[in-house]
Amino acid sequence: MKTSIFPKILMLPVVASLAACIPSPEDLETEPVKVQTPKGVVTCQLYRHDRVTWDRAIDYPATKMSVPEADAYCRQEGQRRLK
């Protein structure tokens, strides 16, 4: 069964242009935000208002909290800013 490579070559620009339309998380970042918590200051990288699940900690008091706990504070801050 022979297939032509010509249709595949024609699809390449279409696939490339669609891939260029998909934003990366870096395109959606806001300025880092500092959040005061009972265990210290957490610096959060927040994203678009509708992308709260991507919000994460980029600096936190490592001796007092874990990464998931710091990330949770950042998601809470993102949720707070949604309202």
C-alpha atoms as a PDB file:
ATOM      1  CA  MET A   1       0.000   0.000   0.000  1.00  0.00           C
ATOM      2  CA  LYS A   2       1.606   3.215  -1.163  1.00  0.00           C
ATOM      3  CA  THR A   3       0.787   6.567   0.358  1.00  0.00           C
ATOM      4  CA  SER A   4       1.868   9.892  -0.952  1.00  0.00           C
ATOM      5  CA  ILE A   5       4.063  12.139   1.176  1.00  0.00           C
ATOM      6  CA  PHE A   6       2.603  15.230  -0.512  1.00  0.00           C
ATOM      7  CA  PRO A   7      -0.514  15.516   1.774  1.00  0.00           C
ATOM      8  CA  LYS A   8       1.724  15.200   4.839  1.00  0.00           C
ATOM      9  CA  ILE A   9       3.956  18.010   3.615  1.00  0.00           C
ATOM     10  CA  LEU A  10       0.899  20.203   3.055  1.00  0.00           C
ATOM     11  CA  MET A  11      -0.282  19.573   6.639  1.00  0.00           C
ATOM     12  CA  LEU A  12       3.021  20.725   8.149  1.00  0.00           C
ATOM     13  CA  PRO A  13       2.294  24.502   7.942  1.00  0.00           C
ATOM     14  CA  VAL A  14      -1.187  23.942   9.364  1.00  0.00           C
ATOM     15  CA  VAL A  15       0.154  22.035  12.370  1.00  0.00           C
ATOM     16  CA  ALA A  16       2.944  24.571  12.906  1.00  0.00           C
ATOM     17  CA  SER A  17       0.555  27.530  12.847  1.00  0.00           C
ATOM     18  CA  LEU A  18      -1.813  25.861  15.303  1.00  0.00           C
ATOM     19  CA  ALA A  19       1.056  25.074  17.687  1.00  0.00           C
ATOM     20  CA  ALA A  20       2.109  28.723  17.600  1.00  0.00           C
ATOM     21  CA  CYS A  21      -1.334  29.762  18.881  1.00  0.00           C
ATOM     22  CA  ILE A  22      -1.089  27.748  22.087  1.00  0.00           C
ATOM     23  CA  PRO A  23       0.276  29.982  24.862  1.00  0.00           C
ATOM     24  CA  SER A  24       2.926  28.732  27.242  1.00  0.00           C
ATOM     25  CA  PRO A  25       2.592  29.388  30.979  1.00  0.00           C
ATOM     26  CA  GLU A  26       5.352  32.012  30.694  1.00  0.00           C
ATOM     27  CA  ASP A  27       3.107  34.051  28.372  1.00  0.00           C
ATOM     28  CA  LEU A  28       0.421  34.198  31.072  1.00  0.00           C
ATOM     29  CA  GLU A  29       2.573  35.061  34.119  1.00  0.00           C
ATOM     30  CA  THR A  30       1.898  38.102  36.265  1.00  0.00           C
ATOM     31  CA  GLU A  31       4.479  39.886  38.396  1.00  0.00           C
ATOM     32  CA  PRO A  32       5.398  37.739  41.439  1.00  0.00           C
ATOM     33  CA  VAL A  33       3.278  38.425  44.520  1.00  0.00           C
ATOM     34  CA  LYS A  34       4.330  38.154  48.170  1.00  0.00           C
ATOM     35  CA  VAL A  35       1.789  36.565  50.513  1.00  0.00           C
ATOM     36  CA  GLN A  36       2.118  36.763  54.295  1.00  0.00           C
ATOM     37  CA  THR A  37       1.326  33.430  55.960  1.00  0.00           C
ATOM     38  CA  PRO A  38       1.495  32.301  59.605  1.00  0.00           C
ATOM     39  CA  LYS A  39       4.780  30.524  58.759  1.00  0.00           C
ATOM     40  CA  GLY A  40       6.390  33.376  56.820  1.00  0.00           C
ATOM     41  CA  VAL A  41       6.309  35.119  53.457  1.00  0.00           C
ATOM     42  CA  VAL A  42       5.615  33.074  50.329  1.00  0.00           C
ATOM     43  CA  THR A  43       6.431  34.540  46.924  1.00  0.00           C
ATOM     44  CA  CYS A  44       3.890  33.359  44.376  1.00  0.00           C
ATOM     45  CA  GLN A  45       3.906  33.217  40.605  1.00  0.00           C
ATOM     46  CA  LEU A  46       0.313  33.849  39.612  1.00  0.00           C
ATOM     47  CA  TYR A  47      -1.114  33.399  36.142  1.00  0.00           C
ATOM     48  CA  ARG A  48      -4.232  34.598  34.364  1.00  0.00           C
ATOM     49  CA  HIS A  49      -7.310  34.903  36.526  1.00  0.00           C
ATOM     50  CA  ASP A  50      -8.872  31.811  34.972  1.00  0.00           C
ATOM     51  CA  ARG A  51      -5.700  29.708  35.437  1.00  0.00           C
ATOM     52  CA  VAL A  52      -5.561  29.509  39.232  1.00  0.00           C
ATOM     53  CA  THR A  53      -4.533  25.848  39.098  1.00  0.00           C
ATOM     54  CA  TRP A  54      -1.170  26.894  37.615  1.00  0.00           C
ATOM     55  CA  ASP A  55      -0.377  29.293  40.496  1.00  0.00           C
ATOM     56  CA  ARG A  56       2.713  28.160  42.392  1.00  0.00           C
ATOM     57  CA  ALA A  57       5.272  29.221  44.978  1.00  0.00           C
ATOM     58  CA  ILE A  58       8.648  30.390  43.712  1.00  0.00           C
ATOM     59  CA  ASP A  59      10.064  31.218  47.162  1.00  0.00           C
ATOM     60  CA  TYR A  60       8.972  30.159  50.646  1.00  0.00           C
ATOM     61  CA  PRO A  61      10.440  29.447  54.097  1.00  0.00           C
ATOM     62  CA  ALA A  62      11.655  25.910  53.350  1.00  0.00           C
ATOM     63  CA  THR A  63      12.421  25.127  56.988  1.00  0.00           C
ATOM     64  CA  LYS A  64       8.814  25.850  57.994  1.00  0.00           C
ATOM     65  CA  MET A  65       6.653  24.512  55.147  1.00  0.00           C
ATOM     66  CA  SER A  66       6.627  22.071  52.255  1.00  0.00           C
ATOM     67  CA  VAL A  67       6.302  22.824  48.555  1.00  0.00           C
ATOM     68  CA  PRO A  68       2.667  21.594  48.395  1.00  0.00           C
ATOM     69  CA  GLU A  69       1.768  23.795  51.377  1.00  0.00           C
ATOM     70  CA  ALA A  70       3.432  26.859  49.806  1.00  0.00           C
ATOM     71  CA  ASP A  71       1.708  26.144  46.477  1.00  0.00           C
ATOM     72  CA  ALA A  72      -1.619  25.904  48.307  1.00  0.00           C
ATOM     73  CA  TYR A  73      -1.138  29.414  49.728  1.00  0.00           C
ATOM     74  CA  CYS A  74      -0.499  30.661  46.193  1.00  0.00           C
ATOM     75  CA  ARG A  75      -3.623  28.998  44.833  1.00  0.00           C
ATOM     76  CA  GLN A  76      -5.607  30.527  47.705  1.00  0.00           C
ATOM     77  CA  GLU A  77      -4.237  33.950  46.773  1.00  0.00           C
ATOM     78  CA  GLY A  78      -5.188  33.370  43.138  1.00  0.00           C
ATOM     79  CA  GLN A  79      -8.714  32.381  44.222  1.00  0.00           C
ATOM     80  CA  ARG A  80      -8.937  35.465  46.443  1.00  0.00           C
ATOM     81  CA  ARG A  81      -8.030  37.694  43.490  1.00  0.00           C
ATOM     82  CA  LEU A  82     -10.709  36.014  41.332  1.00  0.00           C
ATOM     83  CA  LYS A  83     -13.456  37.481  43.493  1.00  0.00           C
END
